[in-house]
Amino acid sequence: MTHLTWGIVGAGRIAKQFAQDIQYVSNAKLLAVAARDLKRAQEFADAHAIGTAYGSYAELFNDQTIDAIYIATPHSFHFEQAKAAMLAGKHVLCEKPICVSSDEFSELAAVAKAQGVLLMEAMWTYFLPALRQAKRWVDEGKIGQIKHIKADFGYLAPYEPNSREYDAALAGGSLLDVGIYPLALALFFSEQELSGLQVCANLAENGVDDDVIITASSGDIKLSLASSFQCWLENAAFIVGDKGRIVIPNFFAASQVHLYNEDKRLESFDDGRSSLGYDYEIQHFSQLVLNGAVDNDFESPVVSHKRSLILQRQMEEIRALF
């Protein structure tokens, strides 16, 4: 087998981005899409030259021509859909957050191992060349010992209780929606447990968080992280060491990264890509399955089950302080 065959669950914005970027992947083919409404699924299929549209997720999961499922629905549906897909024998790449509690994730991980399928949270940022370059600079000692990690992700989403961002029934809130990115960025550079956690959160009228500031320590590294629906934030990351610093503009979708010594820029990297950047994770996931890597712990070495579980637990700790 030279390529993995894919089906998409959901026909929203993120699903469109996945469908757009899979064209840049050499080891994957998108064959089907499923939505709760067949008309919507068919319109999506027509727009992206996908051969098959389904009006139910079960039909997609039972399609024997499909190897892997990409789940691009709201957070609250991830657990149920990922579990059903794996029980049908499909490998699963699930949008972040992969679920909304550590208990849910532990159950999904157990199902993946029992079924012998690959389960991975779609933390696409981890696969971007710019972020990998930043990690190389750190590992090469270019900035010395990391002292601070600063990252934020925020955009303006006016309050609407029934919107995806604010609907409590859909696990809305800025922390789960975009705050996971700064947390994942910090975890990428330091896997030490958080200590001294402090949280300043604003809650919308329905109790859903719309602005969160997080400070903590990860070993000897100080973290300053934030998420917001109240306003646009800088959406950048800064990895600061005692000998220099790394600046990652638009870090969650980074195409560039810069290395500084004090105020002097020493090096820059630009990946020059034509894609949005989702193709890197699709290529990685597909190749793991094609290589038979699922026989080795049934997980990705980049977005491991351990990392996803850590993120779930961190978000639970933070939400407990709202």
C-alpha atoms as a PDB file:
ATOM      1  CA  MET A   1       0.000   0.000   0.000  1.00  0.00           C
ATOM      2  CA  THR A   2       1.454   3.358  -1.069  1.00  0.00           C
ATOM      3  CA  HIS A   3      -1.131   5.676   0.411  1.00  0.00           C
ATOM      4  CA  LEU A   4      -3.657   5.881   3.220  1.00  0.00           C
ATOM      5  CA  THR A   5      -7.300   6.485   2.339  1.00  0.00           C
ATOM      6  CA  TRP A   6      -9.124   9.121   4.376  1.00  0.00           C
ATOM      7  CA  GLY A   7     -12.630  10.153   5.296  1.00  0.00           C
ATOM      8  CA  ILE A   8     -13.609  13.399   7.034  1.00  0.00           C
ATOM      9  CA  VAL A   9     -16.192  13.738   9.801  1.00  0.00           C
ATOM     10  CA  GLY A  10     -17.659  17.222   9.630  1.00  0.00           C
ATOM     11  CA  ALA A  11     -17.948  19.789   6.852  1.00  0.00           C
ATOM     12  CA  GLY A  12     -16.993  23.037   8.584  1.00  0.00           C
ATOM     13  CA  ARG A  13     -14.048  25.426   8.348  1.00  0.00           C
ATOM     14  CA  ILE A  14     -11.366  23.103   9.742  1.00  0.00           C
ATOM     15  CA  ALA A  15     -12.565  20.240   7.534  1.00  0.00           C
ATOM     16  CA  LYS A  16     -12.183  22.525   4.510  1.00  0.00           C
ATOM     17  CA  GLN A  17      -8.603  23.346   5.484  1.00  0.00           C
ATOM     18  CA  PHE A  18      -7.768  19.652   5.837  1.00  0.00           C
ATOM     19  CA  ALA A  19      -9.327  18.913   2.446  1.00  0.00           C
ATOM     20  CA  GLN A  20      -7.396  21.768   0.886  1.00  0.00           C
ATOM     21  CA  ASP A  21      -4.030  20.653   2.279  1.00  0.00           C
ATOM     22  CA  ILE A  22      -4.254  16.920   1.649  1.00  0.00           C
ATOM     23  CA  GLN A  23      -3.537  17.692  -2.011  1.00  0.00           C
ATOM     24  CA  TYR A  24       0.065  18.414  -0.953  1.00  0.00           C
ATOM     25  CA  VAL A  25       0.468  14.983   0.677  1.00  0.00           C
ATOM     26  CA  SER A  26       2.072  12.175  -1.304  1.00  0.00           C
ATOM     27  CA  ASN A  27       0.933   9.253   0.844  1.00  0.00           C
ATOM     28  CA  ALA A  28      -2.748  10.057   1.425  1.00  0.00           C
ATOM     29  CA  LYS A  29      -5.974  10.222  -0.578  1.00  0.00           C
ATOM     30  CA  LEU A  30      -9.253  11.786   0.536  1.00  0.00           C
ATOM     31  CA  LEU A  31     -12.149   9.597  -0.588  1.00  0.00           C
ATOM     32  CA  ALA A  32     -15.170  10.485   1.539  1.00  0.00           C
ATOM     33  CA  VAL A  33     -16.838  13.017   3.811  1.00  0.00           C
ATOM     34  CA  ALA A  34     -19.711  12.636   6.266  1.00  0.00           C
ATOM     35  CA  ALA A  35     -21.975  15.222   7.863  1.00  0.00           C
ATOM     36  CA  ARG A  36     -25.274  15.026   9.738  1.00  0.00           C
ATOM     37  CA  ASP A  37     -26.951  16.502   6.667  1.00  0.00           C
ATOM     38  CA  LEU A  38     -26.370  14.694   3.357  1.00  0.00           C
ATOM     39  CA  LYS A  39     -26.905  17.866   1.328  1.00  0.00           C
ATOM     40  CA  ARG A  40     -24.148  19.628   3.230  1.00  0.00           C
ATOM     41  CA  ALA A  41     -21.841  16.626   2.856  1.00  0.00           C
ATOM     42  CA  GLN A  42     -22.495  16.486  -0.885  1.00  0.00           C
ATOM     43  CA  GLU A  43     -21.822  20.203  -1.309  1.00  0.00           C
ATOM     44  CA  PHE A  44     -18.528  19.747   0.548  1.00  0.00           C
ATOM     45  CA  ALA A  45     -17.640  16.714  -1.587  1.00  0.00           C
ATOM     46  CA  ASP A  46     -18.399  18.623  -4.795  1.00  0.00           C
ATOM     47  CA  ALA A  47     -16.295  21.595  -3.686  1.00  0.00           C
ATOM     48  CA  HIS A  48     -13.271  19.428  -2.918  1.00  0.00           C
ATOM     49  CA  ALA A  49     -13.562  16.723  -5.594  1.00  0.00           C
ATOM     50  CA  ILE A  50     -14.330  14.016  -3.036  1.00  0.00           C
ATOM     51  CA  GLY A  51     -15.918  10.887  -4.468  1.00  0.00           C
ATOM     52  CA  THR A  52     -18.341   9.914  -1.706  1.00  0.00           C
ATOM     53  CA  ALA A  53     -20.620  11.886   0.616  1.00  0.00           C
ATOM     54  CA  TYR A  54     -22.503  10.385   3.549  1.00  0.00           C
ATOM     55  CA  GLY A  55     -25.382  11.775   5.576  1.00  0.00           C
ATOM     56  CA  SER A  56     -24.379   9.810   8.679  1.00  0.00           C
ATOM     57  CA  TYR A  57     -21.098   9.154  10.420  1.00  0.00           C
ATOM     58  CA  ALA A  58     -21.851   5.442  10.831  1.00  0.00           C
ATOM     59  CA  GLU A  59     -21.931   5.015   7.055  1.00  0.00           C
ATOM     60  CA  LEU A  60     -18.441   6.502   6.799  1.00  0.00           C
ATOM     61  CA  PHE A  61     -17.098   4.367   9.647  1.00  0.00           C
ATOM     62  CA  ASN A  62     -18.444   1.242   7.920  1.00  0.00           C
ATOM     63  CA  ASP A  63     -16.928   2.108   4.533  1.00  0.00           C
ATOM     64  CA  GLN A  64     -14.332  -0.615   3.935  1.00  0.00           C
ATOM     65  CA  THR A  65     -12.409   1.540   1.439  1.00  0.00           C
ATOM     66  CA  ILE A  66     -11.480   4.026   4.185  1.00  0.00           C
ATOM     67  CA  ASP A  67      -8.389   3.486   6.361  1.00  0.00           C
ATOM     68  CA  ALA A  68      -8.379   6.628   8.499  1.00  0.00           C
ATOM     69  CA  ILE A  69     -10.844   9.188   9.823  1.00  0.00           C
ATOM     70  CA  TYR A  70     -10.191  12.881  10.427  1.00  0.00           C
ATOM     71  CA  ILE A  71     -12.604  14.319  13.004  1.00  0.00           C
ATOM     72  CA  ALA A  72     -13.323  18.022  12.537  1.00  0.00           C
ATOM     73  CA  THR A  73     -16.470  18.540  14.617  1.00  0.00           C
ATOM     74  CA  PRO A  74     -16.948  20.601  17.821  1.00  0.00           C
ATOM     75  CA  HIS A  75     -15.001  19.415  20.885  1.00  0.00           C
ATOM     76  CA  SER A  76     -17.946  17.848  22.683  1.00  0.00           C
ATOM     77  CA  PHE A  77     -18.468  15.290  19.888  1.00  0.00           C
ATOM     78  CA  HIS A  78     -14.858  14.104  19.628  1.00  0.00           C
ATOM     79  CA  PHE A  79     -15.002  11.367  22.251  1.00  0.00           C
ATOM     80  CA  GLU A  80     -18.099   9.663  20.893  1.00  0.00           C
ATOM     81  CA  GLN A  81     -17.025   9.912  17.253  1.00  0.00           C
ATOM     82  CA  ALA A  82     -13.411   8.871  17.793  1.00  0.00           C
ATOM     83  CA  LYS A  83     -14.494   5.857  19.828  1.00  0.00           C
ATOM     84  CA  ALA A  84     -17.053   4.769  17.223  1.00  0.00           C
ATOM     85  CA  ALA A  85     -14.538   5.136  14.398  1.00  0.00           C
ATOM     86  CA  MET A  86     -11.901   3.072  16.220  1.00  0.00           C
ATOM     87  CA  LEU A  87     -14.403   0.368  17.133  1.00  0.00           C
ATOM     88  CA  ALA A  88     -15.082   0.151  13.390  1.00  0.00           C
ATOM     89  CA  GLY A  89     -11.362  -0.471  12.853  1.00  0.00           C
ATOM     90  CA  LYS A  90     -10.381   2.991  11.613  1.00  0.00           C
ATOM     91  CA  HIS A  91      -7.251   4.946  12.498  1.00  0.00           C
ATOM     92  CA  VAL A  92      -8.216   8.347  13.935  1.00  0.00           C
ATOM     93  CA  LEU A  93      -6.722  11.823  13.664  1.00  0.00           C
ATOM     94  CA  CYS A  94      -8.889  14.023  15.878  1.00  0.00           C
ATOM     95  CA  GLU A  95      -8.909  17.793  16.112  1.00  0.00           C
ATOM     96  CA  LYS A  96      -7.743  19.407  19.306  1.00  0.00           C
ATOM     97  CA  PRO A  97      -8.703  19.216  22.027  1.00  0.00           C
ATOM     98  CA  ILE A  98      -9.085  15.525  21.327  1.00  0.00           C
ATOM     99  CA  CYS A  99     -11.695  15.392  24.099  1.00  0.00           C
ATOM    100  CA  VAL A 100     -12.776  17.448  27.090  1.00  0.00           C
ATOM    101  CA  SER A 101     -11.457  15.465  30.057  1.00  0.00           C
ATOM    102  CA  SER A 102      -8.537  13.267  30.993  1.00  0.00           C
ATOM    103  CA  ASP A 103     -10.941  10.399  31.732  1.00  0.00           C
ATOM    104  CA  GLU A 104     -12.329  10.587  28.210  1.00  0.00           C
ATOM    105  CA  PHE A 105      -8.859  10.572  26.707  1.00  0.00           C
ATOM    106  CA  SER A 106      -7.709   7.632  28.834  1.00  0.00           C
ATOM    107  CA  GLU A 107     -10.668   5.636  27.542  1.00  0.00           C
ATOM    108  CA  LEU A 108      -9.919   6.569  23.925  1.00  0.00           C
ATOM    109  CA  ALA A 109      -6.270   5.564  24.324  1.00  0.00           C
ATOM    110  CA  ALA A 110      -7.340   2.198  25.761  1.00  0.00           C
ATOM    111  CA  VAL A 111      -9.717   1.607  22.845  1.00  0.00           C
ATOM    112  CA  ALA A 112      -6.972   2.472  20.351  1.00  0.00           C
ATOM    113  CA  LYS A 113      -4.604  -0.083  21.851  1.00  0.00           C
ATOM    114  CA  ALA A 114      -7.298  -2.736  22.108  1.00  0.00           C
ATOM    115  CA  GLN A 115      -8.280  -2.208  18.463  1.00  0.00           C
ATOM    116  CA  GLY A 116      -4.699  -1.925  17.221  1.00  0.00           C
ATOM    117  CA  VAL A 117      -5.291   1.429  15.528  1.00  0.00           C
ATOM    118  CA  LEU A 118      -3.448   4.731  15.535  1.00  0.00           C
ATOM    119  CA  LEU A 119      -5.033   7.530  17.549  1.00  0.00           C
ATOM    120  CA  MET A 120      -3.462  10.989  17.392  1.00  0.00           C
ATOM    121  CA  GLU A 121      -4.540  14.447  18.459  1.00  0.00           C
ATOM    122  CA  ALA A 122      -4.255  16.828  15.509  1.00  0.00           C
ATOM    123  CA  MET A 123      -1.669  19.146  17.054  1.00  0.00           C
ATOM    124  CA  TRP A 124      -0.557  20.343  13.622  1.00  0.00           C
ATOM    125  CA  THR A 125       1.714  23.040  15.078  1.00  0.00           C
ATOM    126  CA  TYR A 126       4.142  20.357  16.266  1.00  0.00           C
ATOM    127  CA  PHE A 127       4.882  19.361  12.658  1.00  0.00           C
ATOM    128  CA  LEU A 128       5.474  22.809  11.184  1.00  0.00           C
ATOM    129  CA  PRO A 129       9.047  23.246   9.876  1.00  0.00           C
ATOM    130  CA  ALA A 130       9.395  26.606  11.653  1.00  0.00           C
ATOM    131  CA  LEU A 131       8.652  25.071  15.034  1.00  0.00           C
ATOM    132  CA  ARG A 132      11.015  22.181  14.327  1.00  0.00           C
ATOM    133  CA  GLN A 133      13.711  24.741  13.446  1.00  0.00           C
ATOM    134  CA  ALA A 134      13.113  26.555  16.725  1.00  0.00           C
ATOM    135  CA  LYS A 135      13.551  23.270  18.582  1.00  0.00           C
ATOM    136  CA  ARG A 136      16.826  22.614  16.757  1.00  0.00           C
ATOM    137  CA  TRP A 137      18.142  26.025  17.792  1.00  0.00           C
ATOM    138  CA  VAL A 138      17.249  25.266  21.400  1.00  0.00           C
ATOM    139  CA  ASP A 139      18.847  21.806  21.258  1.00  0.00           C
ATOM    140  CA  GLU A 140      21.989  23.311  19.699  1.00  0.00           C
ATOM    141  CA  GLY A 141      22.292  25.704  22.642  1.00  0.00           C
ATOM    142  CA  LYS A 142      21.759  28.810  20.514  1.00  0.00           C
ATOM    143  CA  ILE A 143      19.790  30.562  23.272  1.00  0.00           C
ATOM    144  CA  GLY A 144      21.395  28.836  26.264  1.00  0.00           C
ATOM    145  CA  GLN A 145      19.109  27.693  29.054  1.00  0.00           C
ATOM    146  CA  ILE A 146      15.438  28.524  28.556  1.00  0.00           C
ATOM    147  CA  LYS A 147      14.224  30.975  31.193  1.00  0.00           C
ATOM    148  CA  HIS A 148      10.853  32.136  29.883  1.00  0.00           C
ATOM    149  CA  ILE A 149       8.217  30.882  27.460  1.00  0.00           C
ATOM    150  CA  LYS A 150       5.596  33.424  26.448  1.00  0.00           C
ATOM    151  CA  ALA A 151       2.744  32.637  24.062  1.00  0.00           C
ATOM    152  CA  ASP A 152      -0.801  33.814  23.451  1.00  0.00           C
ATOM    153  CA  PHE A 153      -3.622  33.182  21.015  1.00  0.00           C
ATOM    154  CA  GLY A 154      -6.665  35.388  20.863  1.00  0.00           C
ATOM    155  CA  TYR A 155      -9.157  36.727  18.355  1.00  0.00           C
ATOM    156  CA  LEU A 156     -12.318  38.777  18.593  1.00  0.00           C
ATOM    157  CA  ALA A 157     -15.441  36.629  18.890  1.00  0.00           C
ATOM    158  CA  PRO A 158     -18.404  38.725  20.082  1.00  0.00           C
ATOM    159  CA  TYR A 159     -20.570  36.999  22.647  1.00  0.00           C
ATOM    160  CA  GLU A 160     -23.211  34.737  21.147  1.00  0.00           C
ATOM    161  CA  PRO A 161     -24.274  31.954  23.535  1.00  0.00           C
ATOM    162  CA  ASN A 162     -25.248  29.583  20.705  1.00  0.00           C
ATOM    163  CA  SER A 163     -22.036  29.997  18.719  1.00  0.00           C
ATOM    164  CA  ARG A 164     -19.370  27.300  18.632  1.00  0.00           C
ATOM    165  CA  GLU A 165     -17.042  29.524  20.660  1.00  0.00           C
ATOM    166  CA  TYR A 166     -19.484  30.187  23.506  1.00  0.00           C
ATOM    167  CA  ASP A 167     -21.907  27.258  23.547  1.00  0.00           C
ATOM    168  CA  ALA A 168     -21.305  25.378  26.803  1.00  0.00           C
ATOM    169  CA  ALA A 169     -22.944  22.257  25.348  1.00  0.00           C
ATOM    170  CA  LEU A 170     -20.252  22.230  22.650  1.00  0.00           C
ATOM    171  CA  ALA A 171     -17.468  22.648  25.262  1.00  0.00           C
ATOM    172  CA  GLY A 172     -16.982  26.261  24.248  1.00  0.00           C
ATOM    173  CA  GLY A 173     -14.487  28.659  25.763  1.00  0.00           C
ATOM    174  CA  SER A 174     -11.205  30.248  24.771  1.00  0.00           C
ATOM    175  CA  LEU A 175      -9.063  27.835  26.796  1.00  0.00           C
ATOM    176  CA  LEU A 176     -10.198  24.695  24.979  1.00  0.00           C
ATOM    177  CA  ASP A 177     -10.542  26.390  21.613  1.00  0.00           C
ATOM    178  CA  VAL A 178      -7.273  28.341  21.374  1.00  0.00           C
ATOM    179  CA  GLY A 179      -5.642  28.241  24.816  1.00  0.00           C
ATOM    180  CA  ILE A 180      -4.525  24.693  24.116  1.00  0.00           C
ATOM    181  CA  TYR A 181      -2.044  26.102  21.582  1.00  0.00           C
ATOM    182  CA  PRO A 182       0.072  28.109  24.072  1.00  0.00           C
ATOM    183  CA  LEU A 183      -0.063  25.159  26.488  1.00  0.00           C
ATOM    184  CA  ALA A 184       1.052  22.757  23.759  1.00  0.00           C
ATOM    185  CA  LEU A 185       3.823  25.153  22.719  1.00  0.00           C
ATOM    186  CA  ALA A 186       5.138  25.260  26.281  1.00  0.00           C
ATOM    187  CA  LEU A 187       4.952  21.473  26.507  1.00  0.00           C
ATOM    188  CA  PHE A 188       6.873  21.164  23.228  1.00  0.00           C
ATOM    189  CA  PHE A 189       9.866  22.905  24.784  1.00  0.00           C
ATOM    190  CA  SER A 190       9.521  21.688  28.361  1.00  0.00           C
ATOM    191  CA  GLU A 191       7.757  18.566  29.615  1.00  0.00           C
ATOM    192  CA  GLN A 192       8.228  19.374  33.286  1.00  0.00           C
ATOM    193  CA  GLU A 193       5.059  19.412  35.388  1.00  0.00           C
ATOM    194  CA  LEU A 194       3.457  22.786  36.040  1.00  0.00           C
ATOM    195  CA  SER A 195       3.916  24.350  39.452  1.00  0.00           C
ATOM    196  CA  GLY A 196       2.823  27.636  40.986  1.00  0.00           C
ATOM    197  CA  LEU A 197      -0.154  27.756  38.624  1.00  0.00           C
ATOM    198  CA  GLN A 198      -2.080  31.029  38.699  1.00  0.00           C
ATOM    199  CA  VAL A 199      -5.061  31.826  36.501  1.00  0.00           C
ATOM    200  CA  CYS A 200      -6.934  35.054  35.806  1.00  0.00           C
ATOM    201  CA  ALA A 201     -10.067  34.299  33.793  1.00  0.00           C
ATOM    202  CA  ASN A 202     -13.047  36.283  32.617  1.00  0.00           C
ATOM    203  CA  LEU A 203     -16.322  34.424  32.165  1.00  0.00           C
ATOM    204  CA  ALA A 204     -19.019  35.412  29.696  1.00  0.00           C
ATOM    205  CA  GLU A 205     -22.661  35.731  30.745  1.00  0.00           C
ATOM    206  CA  ASN A 206     -23.254  31.977  30.391  1.00  0.00           C
ATOM    207  CA  GLY A 207     -20.165  31.063  32.420  1.00  0.00           C
ATOM    208  CA  VAL A 208     -17.937  30.166  29.457  1.00  0.00           C
ATOM    209  CA  ASP A 209     -14.426  31.596  29.606  1.00  0.00           C
ATOM    210  CA  ASP A 210     -13.665  34.301  27.045  1.00  0.00           C
ATOM    211  CA  ASP A 211     -10.302  35.527  28.326  1.00  0.00           C
ATOM    212  CA  VAL A 212      -7.658  33.588  30.269  1.00  0.00           C
ATOM    213  CA  ILE A 213      -4.190  34.523  31.498  1.00  0.00           C
ATOM    214  CA  ILE A 214      -1.994  31.745  32.866  1.00  0.00           C
ATOM    215  CA  THR A 215       1.287  31.963  34.746  1.00  0.00           C
ATOM    216  CA  ALA A 216       3.203  28.955  35.998  1.00  0.00           C
ATOM    217  CA  SER A 217       6.604  27.318  36.197  1.00  0.00           C
ATOM    218  CA  SER A 218       7.743  24.289  34.236  1.00  0.00           C
ATOM    219  CA  GLY A 219      10.834  23.215  36.124  1.00  0.00           C
ATOM    220  CA  ASP A 220      13.082  26.297  36.061  1.00  0.00           C
ATOM    221  CA  ILE A 221      11.174  27.856  33.154  1.00  0.00           C
ATOM    222  CA  LYS A 222       8.597  30.595  33.774  1.00  0.00           C
ATOM    223  CA  LEU A 223       5.476  30.444  31.604  1.00  0.00           C
ATOM    224  CA  SER A 224       3.235  33.350  30.589  1.00  0.00           C
ATOM    225  CA  LEU A 225       0.339  32.144  28.446  1.00  0.00           C
ATOM    226  CA  ALA A 226      -3.008  33.584  27.375  1.00  0.00           C
ATOM    227  CA  SER A 227      -6.122  32.976  25.299  1.00  0.00           C
ATOM    228  CA  SER A 228      -8.981  35.295  24.409  1.00  0.00           C
ATOM    229  CA  PHE A 229     -12.224  35.815  22.527  1.00  0.00           C
ATOM    230  CA  GLN A 230     -12.367  39.410  23.787  1.00  0.00           C
ATOM    231  CA  CYS A 231      -9.602  40.761  21.587  1.00  0.00           C
ATOM    232  CA  TRP A 232      -6.859  39.997  19.101  1.00  0.00           C
ATOM    233  CA  LEU A 233      -3.655  39.111  20.888  1.00  0.00           C
ATOM    234  CA  GLU A 234      -0.177  39.119  19.373  1.00  0.00           C
ATOM    235  CA  ASN A 235      -0.510  35.402  18.607  1.00  0.00           C
ATOM    236  CA  ALA A 236       3.247  35.012  18.837  1.00  0.00           C
ATOM    237  CA  ALA A 237       5.573  32.871  20.922  1.00  0.00           C
ATOM    238  CA  PHE A 238       8.841  33.842  22.566  1.00  0.00           C
ATOM    239  CA  ILE A 239      11.349  31.266  23.778  1.00  0.00           C
ATOM    240  CA  VAL A 240      13.770  33.255  25.927  1.00  0.00           C
ATOM    241  CA  GLY A 241      17.096  31.907  27.112  1.00  0.00           C
ATOM    242  CA  ASP A 242      20.037  33.332  29.033  1.00  0.00           C
ATOM    243  CA  LYS A 243      22.021  33.684  25.773  1.00  0.00           C
ATOM    244  CA  GLY A 244      19.341  34.693  23.287  1.00  0.00           C
ATOM    245  CA  ARG A 245      15.717  34.332  22.271  1.00  0.00           C
ATOM    246  CA  ILE A 246      13.546  32.848  19.577  1.00  0.00           C
ATOM    247  CA  VAL A 247      10.545  34.716  18.170  1.00  0.00           C
ATOM    248  CA  ILE A 248       7.806  32.770  16.387  1.00  0.00           C
ATOM    249  CA  PRO A 249       5.200  35.048  14.746  1.00  0.00           C
ATOM    250  CA  ASN A 250       1.726  33.573  14.355  1.00  0.00           C
ATOM    251  CA  PHE A 251       3.165  30.576  16.185  1.00  0.00           C
ATOM    252  CA  PHE A 252       0.183  28.199  15.951  1.00  0.00           C
ATOM    253  CA  ALA A 253       0.449  28.292  12.133  1.00  0.00           C
ATOM    254  CA  ALA A 254       4.060  29.457  11.935  1.00  0.00           C
ATOM    255  CA  SER A 255       5.874  29.703   8.627  1.00  0.00           C
ATOM    256  CA  GLN A 256       8.734  31.827   9.985  1.00  0.00           C
ATOM    257  CA  VAL A 257      10.975  31.853  13.040  1.00  0.00           C
ATOM    258  CA  HIS A 258      13.750  34.233  14.109  1.00  0.00           C
ATOM    259  CA  LEU A 259      16.799  33.823  16.343  1.00  0.00           C
ATOM    260  CA  TYR A 260      18.052  36.824  18.325  1.00  0.00           C
ATOM    261  CA  ASN A 261      20.996  37.691  20.537  1.00  0.00           C
ATOM    262  CA  GLU A 262      19.653  40.555  22.617  1.00  0.00           C
ATOM    263  CA  ASP A 263      18.221  42.921  19.945  1.00  0.00           C
ATOM    264  CA  LYS A 264      20.298  41.602  17.034  1.00  0.00           C
ATOM    265  CA  ARG A 265      18.676  39.132  14.668  1.00  0.00           C
ATOM    266  CA  LEU A 266      21.172  36.343  13.978  1.00  0.00           C
ATOM    267  CA  GLU A 267      19.189  33.939  11.820  1.00  0.00           C
ATOM    268  CA  SER A 268      15.768  33.577  10.232  1.00  0.00           C
ATOM    269  CA  PHE A 269      13.915  30.650   8.729  1.00  0.00           C
ATOM    270  CA  ASP A 270      10.972  30.688   6.313  1.00  0.00           C
ATOM    271  CA  ASP A 271       9.485  27.406   5.111  1.00  0.00           C
ATOM    272  CA  GLY A 272       8.165  28.952   1.873  1.00  0.00           C
ATOM    273  CA  ARG A 273       5.216  26.590   1.846  1.00  0.00           C
ATOM    274  CA  SER A 274       2.212  26.849  -0.439  1.00  0.00           C
ATOM    275  CA  SER A 275      -0.074  24.919   1.911  1.00  0.00           C
ATOM    276  CA  LEU A 276      -1.783  26.096   5.081  1.00  0.00           C
ATOM    277  CA  GLY A 277       0.431  23.667   7.009  1.00  0.00           C
ATOM    278  CA  TYR A 278      -1.909  20.775   7.791  1.00  0.00           C
ATOM    279  CA  ASP A 279      -0.155  18.593   5.235  1.00  0.00           C
ATOM    280  CA  TYR A 280       2.805  17.925   7.546  1.00  0.00           C
ATOM    281  CA  GLU A 281       0.685  16.177  10.178  1.00  0.00           C
ATOM    282  CA  ILE A 282      -1.282  14.280   7.507  1.00  0.00           C
ATOM    283  CA  GLN A 283       1.963  13.044   5.949  1.00  0.00           C
ATOM    284  CA  HIS A 284       3.303  12.007   9.381  1.00  0.00           C
ATOM    285  CA  PHE A 285       0.144  10.174  10.424  1.00  0.00           C
ATOM    286  CA  SER A 286      -0.236   8.404   7.082  1.00  0.00           C
ATOM    287  CA  GLN A 287       3.380   7.271   7.037  1.00  0.00           C
ATOM    288  CA  LEU A 288       3.149   5.866  10.561  1.00  0.00           C
ATOM    289  CA  VAL A 289       0.299   3.621   9.477  1.00  0.00           C
ATOM    290  CA  LEU A 290       1.935   2.677   6.175  1.00  0.00           C
ATOM    291  CA  ASN A 291       5.159   1.779   7.993  1.00  0.00           C
ATOM    292  CA  GLY A 292       3.288  -0.438  10.427  1.00  0.00           C
ATOM    293  CA  ALA A 293       4.312   1.805  13.310  1.00  0.00           C
ATOM    294  CA  VAL A 294       0.966   1.168  14.955  1.00  0.00           C
ATOM    295  CA  ASP A 295       2.441  -2.141  16.068  1.00  0.00           C
ATOM    296  CA  ASN A 296       4.741  -0.123  18.332  1.00  0.00           C
ATOM    297  CA  ASP A 297       2.524   1.313  21.082  1.00  0.00           C
ATOM    298  CA  PHE A 298      -0.147   2.462  18.591  1.00  0.00           C
ATOM    299  CA  GLU A 299       0.753   6.131  18.855  1.00  0.00           C
ATOM    300  CA  SER A 300       2.781   8.944  17.342  1.00  0.00           C
ATOM    301  CA  PRO A 301       6.207   9.716  18.823  1.00  0.00           C
ATOM    302  CA  VAL A 302       5.530  13.424  18.164  1.00  0.00           C
ATOM    303  CA  VAL A 303       1.995  13.768  19.551  1.00  0.00           C
ATOM    304  CA  SER A 304       2.106  10.876  21.971  1.00  0.00           C
ATOM    305  CA  HIS A 305      -0.768   9.765  24.152  1.00  0.00           C
ATOM    306  CA  LYS A 306       1.293  10.962  27.106  1.00  0.00           C
ATOM    307  CA  ARG A 307       1.440  14.499  25.716  1.00  0.00           C
ATOM    308  CA  SER A 308      -2.279  14.585  24.975  1.00  0.00           C
ATOM    309  CA  LEU A 309      -3.061  13.337  28.478  1.00  0.00           C
ATOM    310  CA  ILE A 310      -0.780  15.979  30.013  1.00  0.00           C
ATOM    311  CA  LEU A 311      -2.622  18.702  28.087  1.00  0.00           C
ATOM    312  CA  GLN A 312      -5.998  17.381  29.227  1.00  0.00           C
ATOM    313  CA  ARG A 313      -4.857  17.396  32.848  1.00  0.00           C
ATOM    314  CA  GLN A 314      -3.361  20.879  32.561  1.00  0.00           C
ATOM    315  CA  MET A 315      -6.604  22.259  31.159  1.00  0.00           C
ATOM    316  CA  GLU A 316      -8.540  20.603  33.976  1.00  0.00           C
ATOM    317  CA  GLU A 317      -6.235  22.232  36.534  1.00  0.00           C
ATOM    318  CA  ILE A 318      -6.681  25.606  34.893  1.00  0.00           C
ATOM    319  CA  ARG A 319     -10.458  25.364  34.594  1.00  0.00           C
ATOM    320  CA  ALA A 320     -10.662  24.418  38.268  1.00  0.00           C
ATOM    321  CA  LEU A 321      -9.210  27.873  39.041  1.00  0.00           C
ATOM    322  CA  PHE A 322     -11.785  29.868  37.031  1.00  0.00           C
END
